[in-house]
PDB file of N, CA and C in Angstrom:
ATOM      1  N   UNK A   1       3.693  -1.823   2.903  1.00  0.00           N
ATOM      2  CA  UNK A   1       3.730  -2.119   1.463  1.00  0.00           C
ATOM      3  C   UNK A   1       3.165  -3.641   1.673  1.00  0.00           C
ATOM      4  N   UNK A   2       2.844  -3.848   0.376  1.00  0.00           N
ATOM      5  CA  UNK A   2       2.891  -4.921   0.068  1.00  0.00           C
ATOM      6  C   UNK A   2       3.434  -6.025  -0.903  1.00  0.00           C
ATOM      7  N   UNK A   3       4.189  -7.305  -1.028  1.00  0.00           N
ATOM      8  CA  UNK A   3       4.746  -7.285  -2.391  1.00  0.00           C
ATOM      9  C   UNK A   3       3.925  -9.003  -2.871  1.00  0.00           C
ATOM     10  N   UNK A   4       3.442  -8.358  -3.992  1.00  0.00           N
ATOM     11  CA  UNK A   4       3.465  -9.517  -4.659  1.00  0.00           C
ATOM     12  C   UNK A   4       3.983 -10.212  -6.257  1.00  0.00           C
ATOM     13  N   UNK A   5       4.130 -11.319  -6.123  1.00  0.00           N
ATOM     14  CA  UNK A   5       5.280 -12.315  -6.999  1.00  0.00           C
ATOM     15  C   UNK A   5       4.305 -12.690  -7.411  1.00  0.00           C
ATOM     16  N   UNK A   6       4.058 -12.252  -9.126  1.00  0.00           N
ATOM     17  CA  UNK A   6       3.622 -13.025 -10.246  1.00  0.00           C
ATOM     18  C   UNK A   6       4.373 -14.051 -10.755  1.00  0.00           C
ATOM     19  N   UNK A   7       4.043 -15.399 -10.809  1.00  0.00           N
ATOM     20  CA  UNK A   7       5.151 -16.555 -11.089  1.00  0.00           C
ATOM     21  C   UNK A   7       4.526 -16.383 -12.903  1.00  0.00           C
ATOM     22  N   UNK A   8       5.728 -18.298 -13.224  1.00  0.00           N
ATOM     23  CA  UNK A   8       4.866 -18.627 -14.623  1.00  0.00           C
ATOM     24  C   UNK A   8       3.572 -18.780 -14.960  1.00  0.00           C
ATOM     25  N   UNK A   9       3.743 -19.026 -15.997  1.00  0.00           N
ATOM     26  CA  UNK A   9       1.634 -19.521 -16.048  1.00  0.00           C
ATOM     27  C   UNK A   9       1.190 -20.868 -16.787  1.00  0.00           C
ATOM     28  N   UNK A  10       0.718 -21.528 -16.275  1.00  0.00           N
ATOM     29  CA  UNK A  10       0.451 -22.651 -16.982  1.00  0.00           C
ATOM     30  C   UNK A  10      -1.133 -22.687 -17.467  1.00  0.00           C
ATOM     31  N   UNK A  11      -0.217 -22.849 -18.985  1.00  0.00           N
ATOM     32  CA  UNK A  11      -1.308 -22.896 -19.988  1.00  0.00           C
ATOM     33  C   UNK A  11      -0.713 -23.824 -21.270  1.00  0.00           C
ATOM     34  N   UNK A  12      -1.562 -25.108 -21.611  1.00  0.00           N
ATOM     35  CA  UNK A  12      -1.559 -26.316 -22.287  1.00  0.00           C
ATOM     36  C   UNK A  12      -1.630 -25.834 -23.763  1.00  0.00           C
ATOM     37  N   UNK A  13      -1.407 -25.089 -24.132  1.00  0.00           N
ATOM     38  CA  UNK A  13      -0.876 -24.417 -25.234  1.00  0.00           C
ATOM     39  C   UNK A  13       0.508 -24.131 -25.894  1.00  0.00           C
ATOM     40  N   UNK A  14       1.198 -23.307 -26.699  1.00  0.00           N
ATOM     41  CA  UNK A  14       1.762 -22.621 -26.774  1.00  0.00           C
ATOM     42  C   UNK A  14       1.796 -20.533 -26.346  1.00  0.00           C
ATOM     43  N   UNK A  15       0.263 -20.308 -25.600  1.00  0.00           N
ATOM     44  CA  UNK A  15       0.752 -18.863 -25.511  1.00  0.00           C
ATOM     45  C   UNK A  15       1.529 -18.491 -24.723  1.00  0.00           C
ATOM     46  N   UNK A  16       1.595 -17.044 -25.091  1.00  0.00           N
ATOM     47  CA  UNK A  16       2.978 -16.109 -24.145  1.00  0.00           C
ATOM     48  C   UNK A  16       2.079 -14.902 -23.755  1.00  0.00           C
ATOM     49  N   UNK A  17       2.204 -14.941 -22.522  1.00  0.00           N
ATOM     50  CA  UNK A  17       1.469 -14.033 -22.178  1.00  0.00           C
ATOM     51  C   UNK A  17       1.915 -12.909 -22.121  1.00  0.00           C
ATOM     52  N   UNK A  18       1.742 -11.859 -22.895  1.00  0.00           N
ATOM     53  CA  UNK A  18       2.065 -10.671 -22.908  1.00  0.00           C
ATOM     54  C   UNK A  18       2.158  -9.587 -22.048  1.00  0.00           C
ATOM     55  N   UNK A  19       0.295  -9.050 -20.876  1.00  0.00           N
ATOM     56  CA  UNK A  19       0.818  -8.825 -20.148  1.00  0.00           C
ATOM     57  C   UNK A  19      -0.005  -9.027 -18.167  1.00  0.00           C
ATOM     58  N   UNK A  20      -0.012  -8.792 -17.933  1.00  0.00           N
ATOM     59  CA  UNK A  20       0.086  -9.691 -15.786  1.00  0.00           C
ATOM     60  C   UNK A  20      -1.085  -7.545 -15.854  1.00  0.00           C
ATOM     61  N   UNK A  21      -2.305  -7.820 -15.725  1.00  0.00           N
ATOM     62  CA  UNK A  21      -3.222  -6.888 -15.300  1.00  0.00           C
ATOM     63  C   UNK A  21      -3.530  -7.246 -13.649  1.00  0.00           C
ATOM     64  N   UNK A  22      -3.044  -6.484 -12.698  1.00  0.00           N
ATOM     65  CA  UNK A  22      -2.958  -6.600 -11.547  1.00  0.00           C
ATOM     66  C   UNK A  22      -3.824  -5.319 -10.570  1.00  0.00           C
ATOM     67  N   UNK A  23      -5.138  -5.866 -10.491  1.00  0.00           N
ATOM     68  CA  UNK A  23      -5.710  -4.765  -9.785  1.00  0.00           C
ATOM     69  C   UNK A  23      -6.323  -5.029  -8.410  1.00  0.00           C
ATOM     70  N   UNK A  24      -5.786  -4.251  -7.425  1.00  0.00           N
ATOM     71  CA  UNK A  24      -5.379  -4.727  -6.495  1.00  0.00           C
ATOM     72  C   UNK A  24      -6.417  -4.611  -5.640  1.00  0.00           C
ATOM     73  N   UNK A  25      -7.452  -4.161  -5.580  1.00  0.00           N
ATOM     74  CA  UNK A  25      -8.721  -4.178  -5.351  1.00  0.00           C
ATOM     75  C   UNK A  25      -9.658  -3.589  -4.129  1.00  0.00           C
ATOM     76  N   UNK A  26      -8.569  -2.020  -4.260  1.00  0.00           N
ATOM     77  CA  UNK A  26      -8.915  -1.030  -3.836  1.00  0.00           C
ATOM     78  C   UNK A  26      -8.778   0.076  -4.220  1.00  0.00           C
ATOM     79  N   UNK A  27      -9.427  -0.453  -6.207  1.00  0.00           N
ATOM     80  CA  UNK A  27      -9.159   0.561  -7.303  1.00  0.00           C
ATOM     81  C   UNK A  27      -8.010   0.756  -7.807  1.00  0.00           C
ATOM     82  N   UNK A  28      -7.460   0.726  -7.241  1.00  0.00           N
ATOM     83  CA  UNK A  28      -5.567   0.760  -8.035  1.00  0.00           C
ATOM     84  C   UNK A  28      -5.940  -0.693  -8.600  1.00  0.00           C
ATOM     85  N   UNK A  29      -4.731  -0.052  -9.918  1.00  0.00           N
ATOM     86  CA  UNK A  29      -4.463  -1.255 -10.294  1.00  0.00           C
ATOM     87  C   UNK A  29      -2.901  -0.928 -11.039  1.00  0.00           C
ATOM     88  N   UNK A  30      -1.922  -2.176 -12.099  1.00  0.00           N
ATOM     89  CA  UNK A  30      -0.674  -2.208 -12.173  1.00  0.00           C
ATOM     90  C   UNK A  30      -0.731  -2.535 -13.555  1.00  0.00           C
ATOM     91  N   UNK A  31      -0.062  -2.726 -14.541  1.00  0.00           N
ATOM     92  CA  UNK A  31      -0.153  -3.940 -15.464  1.00  0.00           C
ATOM     93  C   UNK A  31       1.699  -3.818 -16.218  1.00  0.00           C
ATOM     94  N   UNK A  32       1.552  -4.637 -15.895  1.00  0.00           N
ATOM     95  CA  UNK A  32       3.735  -5.517 -16.095  1.00  0.00           C
ATOM     96  C   UNK A  32       3.478  -6.398 -16.842  1.00  0.00           C
ATOM     97  N   UNK A  33       4.628  -6.812 -17.580  1.00  0.00           N
ATOM     98  CA  UNK A  33       4.974  -6.690 -19.290  1.00  0.00           C
ATOM     99  C   UNK A  33       5.873  -8.219 -19.087  1.00  0.00           C
ATOM    100  N   UNK A  34       5.936  -8.066 -17.766  1.00  0.00           N
ATOM    101  CA  UNK A  34       6.203  -9.956 -17.424  1.00  0.00           C
ATOM    102  C   UNK A  34       6.195 -10.045 -15.807  1.00  0.00           C
ATOM    103  N   UNK A  35       6.350 -11.809 -15.375  1.00  0.00           N
ATOM    104  CA  UNK A  35       5.793 -12.312 -13.957  1.00  0.00           C
ATOM    105  C   UNK A  35       7.447 -11.454 -12.653  1.00  0.00           C
ATOM    106  N   UNK A  36       7.131 -11.440 -11.648  1.00  0.00           N
ATOM    107  CA  UNK A  36       8.146 -10.839 -11.158  1.00  0.00           C
ATOM    108  C   UNK A  36       7.377 -10.831  -9.757  1.00  0.00           C
ATOM    109  N   UNK A  37       8.084 -10.201  -9.431  1.00  0.00           N
ATOM    110  CA  UNK A  37       7.456  -8.435  -8.004  1.00  0.00           C
ATOM    111  C   UNK A  37       7.004  -7.585  -8.681  1.00  0.00           C
ATOM    112  N   UNK A  38       5.921  -7.541  -8.336  1.00  0.00           N
ATOM    113  CA  UNK A  38       5.513  -6.474  -7.917  1.00  0.00           C
ATOM    114  C   UNK A  38       4.412  -5.582  -6.252  1.00  0.00           C
ATOM    115  N   UNK A  39       4.977  -4.225  -6.051  1.00  0.00           N
ATOM    116  CA  UNK A  39       4.123  -3.535  -4.676  1.00  0.00           C
ATOM    117  C   UNK A  39       3.623  -2.663  -5.182  1.00  0.00           C
ATOM    118  N   UNK A  40       2.640  -2.678  -3.639  1.00  0.00           N
ATOM    119  CA  UNK A  40       1.239  -1.972  -3.743  1.00  0.00           C
ATOM    120  C   UNK A  40       1.478  -1.510  -2.335  1.00  0.00           C
ATOM    121  N   UNK A  41       1.200  -0.410  -1.710  1.00  0.00           N
ATOM    122  CA  UNK A  41       0.578  -0.059  -0.605  1.00  0.00           C
ATOM    123  C   UNK A  41      -0.545   0.540  -0.389  1.00  0.00           C
ATOM    124  N   UNK A  42      -1.499  -0.139   0.220  1.00  0.00           N
ATOM    125  CA  UNK A  42      -2.273  -0.230   1.085  1.00  0.00           C
ATOM    126  C   UNK A  42      -2.668   1.140   1.895  1.00  0.00           C
ATOM    127  N   UNK A  43      -4.246   1.742   1.551  1.00  0.00           N
ATOM    128  CA  UNK A  43      -4.400   3.153   2.941  1.00  0.00           C
ATOM    129  C   UNK A  43      -4.670   1.667   3.589  1.00  0.00           C
ATOM    130  N   UNK A  44      -4.116   2.109   5.117  1.00  0.00           N
ATOM    131  CA  UNK A  44      -4.915   0.996   5.978  1.00  0.00           C
ATOM    132  C   UNK A  44      -6.023   1.921   7.092  1.00  0.00           C
ATOM    133  N   UNK A  45      -6.734   0.155   7.445  1.00  0.00           N
ATOM    134  CA  UNK A  45      -8.195   0.815   7.806  1.00  0.00           C
ATOM    135  C   UNK A  45      -8.814  -1.100   7.753  1.00  0.00           C
ATOM    136  N   UNK A  46      -8.707  -1.360   8.534  1.00  0.00           N
ATOM    137  CA  UNK A  46      -9.057  -3.029   8.844  1.00  0.00           C
ATOM    138  C   UNK A  46     -10.098  -3.281   7.879  1.00  0.00           C
ATOM    139  N   UNK A  47      -8.841  -3.767   6.810  1.00  0.00           N
ATOM    140  CA  UNK A  47      -9.840  -3.952   6.157  1.00  0.00           C
ATOM    141  C   UNK A  47      -9.375  -5.120   4.658  1.00  0.00           C
ATOM    142  N   UNK A  48     -10.296  -5.840   4.747  1.00  0.00           N
ATOM    143  CA  UNK A  48      -9.941  -7.434   2.981  1.00  0.00           C
ATOM    144  C   UNK A  48     -10.576  -6.210   1.852  1.00  0.00           C
ATOM    145  N   UNK A  49      -8.880  -6.756   1.220  1.00  0.00           N
ATOM    146  CA  UNK A  49      -9.122  -6.423  -0.007  1.00  0.00           C
ATOM    147  C   UNK A  49      -8.631  -7.464  -0.806  1.00  0.00           C
ATOM    148  N   UNK A  50      -8.875  -7.831  -2.281  1.00  0.00           N
ATOM    149  CA  UNK A  50      -9.398  -8.872  -3.634  1.00  0.00           C
ATOM    150  C   UNK A  50      -8.216  -8.505  -4.274  1.00  0.00           C
ATOM    151  N   UNK A  51      -7.523  -9.319  -4.639  1.00  0.00           N
ATOM    152  CA  UNK A  51      -6.342  -8.702  -6.106  1.00  0.00           C
ATOM    153  C   UNK A  51      -6.601  -9.721  -6.518  1.00  0.00           C
ATOM    154  N   UNK A  52      -7.259  -9.263  -7.448  1.00  0.00           N
ATOM    155  CA  UNK A  52      -7.239  -9.999  -9.087  1.00  0.00           C
ATOM    156  C   UNK A  52      -6.050  -9.685 -10.168  1.00  0.00           C
ATOM    157  N   UNK A  53      -5.735 -10.843 -10.973  1.00  0.00           N
ATOM    158  CA  UNK A  53      -4.808 -10.259 -11.916  1.00  0.00           C
ATOM    159  C   UNK A  53      -5.458 -10.776 -13.081  1.00  0.00           C
ATOM    160  N   UNK A  54      -6.171 -10.353 -14.170  1.00  0.00           N
ATOM    161  CA  UNK A  54      -6.088 -11.299 -15.416  1.00  0.00           C
ATOM    162  C   UNK A  54      -4.813 -10.669 -16.883  1.00  0.00           C
ATOM    163  N   UNK A  55      -4.983 -12.076 -17.137  1.00  0.00           N
ATOM    164  CA  UNK A  55      -3.416 -11.631 -18.320  1.00  0.00           C
ATOM    165  C   UNK A  55      -4.538 -12.395 -19.700  1.00  0.00           C
ATOM    166  N   UNK A  56      -3.321 -11.583 -20.271  1.00  0.00           N
ATOM    167  CA  UNK A  56      -2.895 -11.442 -21.664  1.00  0.00           C
ATOM    168  C   UNK A  56      -2.094 -11.691 -22.944  1.00  0.00           C
ATOM    169  N   UNK A  57      -2.741 -12.560 -23.881  1.00  0.00           N
ATOM    170  CA  UNK A  57      -1.690 -13.220 -24.507  1.00  0.00           C
ATOM    171  C   UNK A  57      -2.698 -13.464 -26.387  1.00  0.00           C
ATOM    172  N   UNK A  58      -1.409 -14.110 -27.096  1.00  0.00           N
ATOM    173  CA  UNK A  58      -2.273 -13.481 -28.432  1.00  0.00           C
ATOM    174  C   UNK A  58      -3.341 -13.996 -28.795  1.00  0.00           C
ATOM    175  N   UNK A  59      -4.524 -14.813 -27.533  1.00  0.00           N
ATOM    176  CA  UNK A  59      -5.831 -15.311 -27.575  1.00  0.00           C
ATOM    177  C   UNK A  59      -7.022 -14.324 -27.018  1.00  0.00           C
ATOM    178  N   UNK A  60      -6.445 -12.786 -26.658  1.00  0.00           N
ATOM    179  CA  UNK A  60      -6.687 -11.627 -25.985  1.00  0.00           C
ATOM    180  C   UNK A  60      -6.587 -12.016 -24.531  1.00  0.00           C
ATOM    181  N   UNK A  61      -8.046 -11.612 -23.156  1.00  0.00           N
ATOM    182  CA  UNK A  61      -7.684 -11.438 -22.202  1.00  0.00           C
ATOM    183  C   UNK A  61      -8.559 -12.190 -21.317  1.00  0.00           C
ATOM    184  N   UNK A  62      -7.770 -12.291 -20.687  1.00  0.00           N
ATOM    185  CA  UNK A  62      -8.318 -13.934 -18.915  1.00  0.00           C
ATOM    186  C   UNK A  62      -8.491 -14.049 -18.053  1.00  0.00           C
ATOM    187  N   UNK A  63      -9.624 -13.203 -17.719  1.00  0.00           N
ATOM    188  CA  UNK A  63     -10.001 -12.057 -16.927  1.00  0.00           C
ATOM    189  C   UNK A  63     -10.368 -13.181 -15.219  1.00  0.00           C
ATOM    190  N   UNK A  64      -9.954 -12.646 -14.409  1.00  0.00           N
ATOM    191  CA  UNK A  64      -9.880 -13.525 -13.231  1.00  0.00           C
ATOM    192  C   UNK A  64      -9.034 -15.319 -13.004  1.00  0.00           C
ATOM    193  N   UNK A  65      -7.636 -14.910 -13.720  1.00  0.00           N
ATOM    194  CA  UNK A  65      -7.038 -15.623 -13.887  1.00  0.00           C
ATOM    195  C   UNK A  65      -6.188 -16.266 -12.672  1.00  0.00           C
ATOM    196  N   UNK A  66      -6.378 -15.150 -11.695  1.00  0.00           N
ATOM    197  CA  UNK A  66      -6.022 -15.526  -9.959  1.00  0.00           C
ATOM    198  C   UNK A  66      -6.792 -14.556  -9.178  1.00  0.00           C
ATOM    199  N   UNK A  67      -6.705 -14.755  -7.936  1.00  0.00           N
ATOM    200  CA  UNK A  67      -7.375 -13.987  -6.753  1.00  0.00           C
ATOM    201  C   UNK A  67      -6.874 -14.400  -5.707  1.00  0.00           C
ATOM    202  N   UNK A  68      -6.404 -13.350  -4.776  1.00  0.00           N
ATOM    203  CA  UNK A  68      -6.035 -13.605  -3.609  1.00  0.00           C
ATOM    204  C   UNK A  68      -6.336 -12.274  -2.263  1.00  0.00           C
ATOM    205  N   UNK A  69      -7.179 -13.115  -1.334  1.00  0.00           N
ATOM    206  CA  UNK A  69      -7.933 -12.252  -0.546  1.00  0.00           C
ATOM    207  C   UNK A  69      -6.122 -11.235   0.835  1.00  0.00           C
ATOM    208  N   UNK A  70      -6.426 -10.012   0.938  1.00  0.00           N
ATOM    209  CA  UNK A  70      -5.645  -9.991   1.914  1.00  0.00           C
ATOM    210  C   UNK A  70      -5.815  -8.264   3.529  1.00  0.00           C
ATOM    211  N   UNK A  71      -5.583  -9.137   4.294  1.00  0.00           N
ATOM    212  CA  UNK A  71      -6.277  -8.443   4.978  1.00  0.00           C
ATOM    213  C   UNK A  71      -5.494  -7.419   5.456  1.00  0.00           C
ATOM    214  N   UNK A  72      -5.488  -6.095   5.552  1.00  0.00           N
ATOM    215  CA  UNK A  72      -5.383  -4.757   5.542  1.00  0.00           C
ATOM    216  C   UNK A  72      -4.847  -4.882   7.331  1.00  0.00           C
ATOM    217  N   UNK A  73      -3.975  -3.602   8.109  1.00  0.00           N
ATOM    218  CA  UNK A  73      -4.777  -3.787   9.148  1.00  0.00           C
ATOM    219  C   UNK A  73      -4.169  -2.299   9.393  1.00  0.00           C
ATOM    220  N   UNK A  74      -4.829  -1.178  10.487  1.00  0.00           N
ATOM    221  CA  UNK A  74      -4.599  -0.085  11.144  1.00  0.00           C
ATOM    222  C   UNK A  74      -3.184  -0.019  11.548  1.00  0.00           C
ATOM    223  N   UNK A  75      -2.513   0.742  10.904  1.00  0.00           N
ATOM    224  CA  UNK A  75      -1.162   0.446  11.994  1.00  0.00           C
ATOM    225  C   UNK A  75      -1.131   1.969  12.504  1.00  0.00           C
ATOM    226  N   UNK A  76      -0.692   1.636  13.638  1.00  0.00           N
ATOM    227  CA  UNK A  76      -0.932   3.343  14.574  1.00  0.00           C
ATOM    228  C   UNK A  76       0.130   3.368  14.887  1.00  0.00           C
ATOM    229  N   UNK A  77       0.806   5.191  14.520  1.00  0.00           N
ATOM    230  CA  UNK A  77       1.377   6.085  13.862  1.00  0.00           C
ATOM    231  C   UNK A  77       2.288   6.469  15.629  1.00  0.00           C
ATOM    232  N   UNK A  78       3.239   6.291  15.027  1.00  0.00           N
ATOM    233  CA  UNK A  78       4.438   6.977  16.357  1.00  0.00           C
ATOM    234  C   UNK A  78       5.223   8.359  16.498  1.00  0.00           C
ATOM    235  N   UNK A  79       5.909   8.544  16.815  1.00  0.00           N
ATOM    236  CA  UNK A  79       5.439   9.552  17.191  1.00  0.00           C
ATOM    237  C   UNK A  79       7.150   9.440  17.117  1.00  0.00           C
ATOM    238  N   UNK A  80       7.995  10.327  16.139  1.00  0.00           N
ATOM    239  CA  UNK A  80       9.131   9.755  16.405  1.00  0.00           C
ATOM    240  C   UNK A  80      10.354  10.935  16.902  1.00  0.00           C
ATOM    241  N   UNK A  81      10.058  11.822  16.921  1.00  0.00           N
ATOM    242  CA  UNK A  81      10.578  13.354  17.310  1.00  0.00           C
ATOM    243  C   UNK A  81      10.075  14.641  17.797  1.00  0.00           C
ATOM    244  N   UNK A  82       9.959  15.171  18.943  1.00  0.00           N
ATOM    245  CA  UNK A  82       9.344  16.325  18.533  1.00  0.00           C
ATOM    246  C   UNK A  82      10.504  17.502  19.315  1.00  0.00           C
ATOM    247  N   UNK A  83      10.643  18.795  18.524  1.00  0.00           N
ATOM    248  CA  UNK A  83      11.289  19.696  18.846  1.00  0.00           C
ATOM    249  C   UNK A  83      11.360  21.003  18.969  1.00  0.00           C
ATOM    250  N   UNK A  84      11.472  22.075  19.991  1.00  0.00           N
ATOM    251  CA  UNK A  84      10.912  23.477  20.325  1.00  0.00           C
ATOM    252  C   UNK A  84      12.307  24.158  20.273  1.00  0.00           C
ATOM    253  N   UNK A  85      12.052  25.201  19.629  1.00  0.00           N
ATOM    254  CA  UNK A  85      12.470  26.222  19.398  1.00  0.00           C
ATOM    255  C   UNK A  85      13.601  27.016  20.540  1.00  0.00           C
ATOM    256  N   UNK A  86      12.582  26.866  21.777  1.00  0.00           N
ATOM    257  CA  UNK A  86      12.926  27.549  23.232  1.00  0.00           C
ATOM    258  C   UNK A  86      12.193  26.036  24.277  1.00  0.00           C
ATOM    259  N   UNK A  87      12.945  27.105  25.389  1.00  0.00           N
ATOM    260  CA  UNK A  87      12.900  25.393  26.723  1.00  0.00           C
ATOM    261  C   UNK A  87      11.534  25.783  26.841  1.00  0.00           C
ATOM    262  N   UNK A  88      10.958  24.584  26.894  1.00  0.00           N
ATOM    263  CA  UNK A  88       9.134  24.642  26.743  1.00  0.00           C
ATOM    264  C   UNK A  88       8.461  24.703  28.387  1.00  0.00           C
ATOM    265  N   UNK A  89       9.514  24.946  29.055  1.00  0.00           N
ATOM    266  CA  UNK A  89       9.795  25.035  30.848  1.00  0.00           C
ATOM    267  C   UNK A  89       9.343  25.751  31.711  1.00  0.00           C
ATOM    268  N   UNK A  90       9.791  26.763  29.896  1.00  0.00           N
ATOM    269  CA  UNK A  90       9.240  28.439  31.313  1.00  0.00           C
ATOM    270  C   UNK A  90       8.297  28.876  30.914  1.00  0.00           C
ATOM    271  N   UNK A  91       7.986  29.703  31.916  1.00  0.00           N
ATOM    272  CA  UNK A  91       6.530  29.680  32.163  1.00  0.00           C
ATOM    273  C   UNK A  91       5.878  30.150  32.108  1.00  0.00           C
ATOM    274  N   UNK A  92       4.554  30.500  30.896  1.00  0.00           N
ATOM    275  CA  UNK A  92       3.673  31.782  30.437  1.00  0.00           C
ATOM    276  C   UNK A  92       4.366  32.241  29.284  1.00  0.00           C
ATOM    277  N   UNK A  93       5.028  31.007  29.031  1.00  0.00           N
ATOM    278  CA  UNK A  93       5.668  31.154  27.231  1.00  0.00           C
ATOM    279  C   UNK A  93       4.983  30.657  26.080  1.00  0.00           C
ATOM    280  N   UNK A  94       5.229  30.911  25.500  1.00  0.00           N
ATOM    281  CA  UNK A  94       4.211  30.158  23.701  1.00  0.00           C
ATOM    282  C   UNK A  94       4.937  29.863  22.670  1.00  0.00           C
ATOM    283  N   UNK A  95       5.183  28.776  22.870  1.00  0.00           N
ATOM    284  CA  UNK A  95       5.494  27.297  21.625  1.00  0.00           C
ATOM    285  C   UNK A  95       5.593  27.673  20.701  1.00  0.00           C
ATOM    286  N   UNK A  96       5.978  27.043  19.502  1.00  0.00           N
ATOM    287  CA  UNK A  96       5.583  26.772  18.375  1.00  0.00           C
ATOM    288  C   UNK A  96       6.770  25.170  17.843  1.00  0.00           C
ATOM    289  N   UNK A  97       6.574  24.229  17.916  1.00  0.00           N
ATOM    290  CA  UNK A  97       6.873  22.710  18.665  1.00  0.00           C
ATOM    291  C   UNK A  97       6.082  21.361  17.270  1.00  0.00           C
ATOM    292  N   UNK A  98       7.372  21.071  16.312  1.00  0.00           N
ATOM    293  CA  UNK A  98       7.187  20.126  15.485  1.00  0.00           C
ATOM    294  C   UNK A  98       7.281  19.060  15.792  1.00  0.00           C
ATOM    295  N   UNK A  99       6.577  18.389  15.165  1.00  0.00           N
ATOM    296  CA  UNK A  99       6.780  16.773  15.782  1.00  0.00           C
ATOM    297  C   UNK A  99       7.115  15.534  14.171  1.00  0.00           C
ATOM    298  N   UNK A 100       6.538  14.833  13.694  1.00  0.00           N
ATOM    299  CA  UNK A 100       7.124  13.704  13.141  1.00  0.00           C
ATOM    300  C   UNK A 100       6.254  12.953  13.587  1.00  0.00           C
ATOM    301  N   UNK A 101       5.184  12.101  12.888  1.00  0.00           N
ATOM    302  CA  UNK A 101       4.776  11.030  12.848  1.00  0.00           C
ATOM    303  C   UNK A 101       4.647  10.113  12.062  1.00  0.00           C
ATOM    304  N   UNK A 102       5.462   9.794  11.705  1.00  0.00           N
ATOM    305  CA  UNK A 102       5.867   8.160  10.686  1.00  0.00           C
ATOM    306  C   UNK A 102       4.592   7.234  10.771  1.00  0.00           C
ATOM    307  N   UNK A 103       3.854   7.205   9.703  1.00  0.00           N
ATOM    308  CA  UNK A 103       2.295   6.217   9.833  1.00  0.00           C
ATOM    309  C   UNK A 103       2.389   5.632   8.385  1.00  0.00           C
ATOM    310  N   UNK A 104       2.514   4.483   8.556  1.00  0.00           N
ATOM    311  CA  UNK A 104       2.567   3.763   6.417  1.00  0.00           C
ATOM    312  C   UNK A 104       0.743   3.930   6.216  1.00  0.00           C
ATOM    313  N   UNK A 105       0.040   4.668   6.978  1.00  0.00           N
ATOM    314  CA  UNK A 105      -1.406   4.765   6.167  1.00  0.00           C
ATOM    315  C   UNK A 105      -1.667   6.015   5.881  1.00  0.00           C
ATOM    316  N   UNK A 106      -2.645   6.137   4.749  1.00  0.00           N
ATOM    317  CA  UNK A 106      -2.920   7.533   4.221  1.00  0.00           C
ATOM    318  C   UNK A 106      -4.564   8.168   4.722  1.00  0.00           C
ATOM    319  N   UNK A 107      -4.559   7.053   6.038  1.00  0.00           N
ATOM    320  CA  UNK A 107      -6.171   7.996   6.683  1.00  0.00           C
ATOM    321  C   UNK A 107      -6.059   7.738   7.575  1.00  0.00           C
ATOM    322  N   UNK A 108      -5.239   8.203   8.368  1.00  0.00           N
ATOM    323  CA  UNK A 108      -4.913   8.910   9.988  1.00  0.00           C
ATOM    324  C   UNK A 108      -5.607  10.362  10.387  1.00  0.00           C
ATOM    325  N   UNK A 109      -5.884  10.469  11.132  1.00  0.00           N
ATOM    326  CA  UNK A 109      -5.115  12.395  11.879  1.00  0.00           C
ATOM    327  C   UNK A 109      -4.695  12.485  12.967  1.00  0.00           C
ATOM    328  N   UNK A 110      -3.921  12.950  13.293  1.00  0.00           N
ATOM    329  CA  UNK A 110      -2.794  12.925  14.222  1.00  0.00           C
ATOM    330  C   UNK A 110      -3.485  14.773  14.993  1.00  0.00           C
ATOM    331  N   UNK A 111      -3.177  14.849  16.104  1.00  0.00           N
ATOM    332  CA  UNK A 111      -3.348  15.532  17.076  1.00  0.00           C
ATOM    333  C   UNK A 111      -2.709  15.445  18.667  1.00  0.00           C
ATOM    334  N   UNK A 112      -2.039  16.646  18.674  1.00  0.00           N
ATOM    335  CA  UNK A 112      -0.333  17.041  19.164  1.00  0.00           C
ATOM    336  C   UNK A 112      -1.199  18.031  20.379  1.00  0.00           C
ATOM    337  N   UNK A 113      -1.206  17.629  22.135  1.00  0.00           N
ATOM    338  CA  UNK A 113      -0.702  18.148  22.851  1.00  0.00           C
ATOM    339  C   UNK A 113       0.394  18.902  23.415  1.00  0.00           C
ATOM    340  N   UNK A 114       0.087  19.453  24.036  1.00  0.00           N
ATOM    341  CA  UNK A 114       1.292  19.918  24.344  1.00  0.00           C
ATOM    342  C   UNK A 114       0.703  20.193  25.899  1.00  0.00           C
ATOM    343  N   UNK A 115       1.479  20.793  27.369  1.00  0.00           N
ATOM    344  CA  UNK A 115       1.415  21.214  28.440  1.00  0.00           C
ATOM    345  C   UNK A 115       2.573  22.045  28.192  1.00  0.00           C
TER     346      UNK A 115
END
C-alpha cells in the first residue's frame, strides 16, 4: 500500500481548492475534498507508475498541478499455514490440504506441490 500526502496548496490569489483529483498511474483514481493522506494498493509487478494530481477551485480545473513517480516492486508470497485433515505420512493415502498464501499483489499465480 502506498500513502500519498496531499498538503496545502500555494496560490497567489484567494482561490480555495475544492477537489483534489488523484490519478494513480495504473488506471485508478480518487477524488478528495480536502488535503491529507490517501492510500492506494498497486498490483505488484516491478513497474514505475506516475501519480498525477489535478486541482479544482472556483476558476476550474488545473491539470497536472503535481506529479510523482512511484516504483512498485513484486513482493513474493509466503506460505503461512498448511493444514491437512489426516496424517500425511500414511502410505498410499490421498489427502486434501489447505494452504494460505498471503500476497500483497493481485497478479501472482500460486502453485503448491505436496509429496
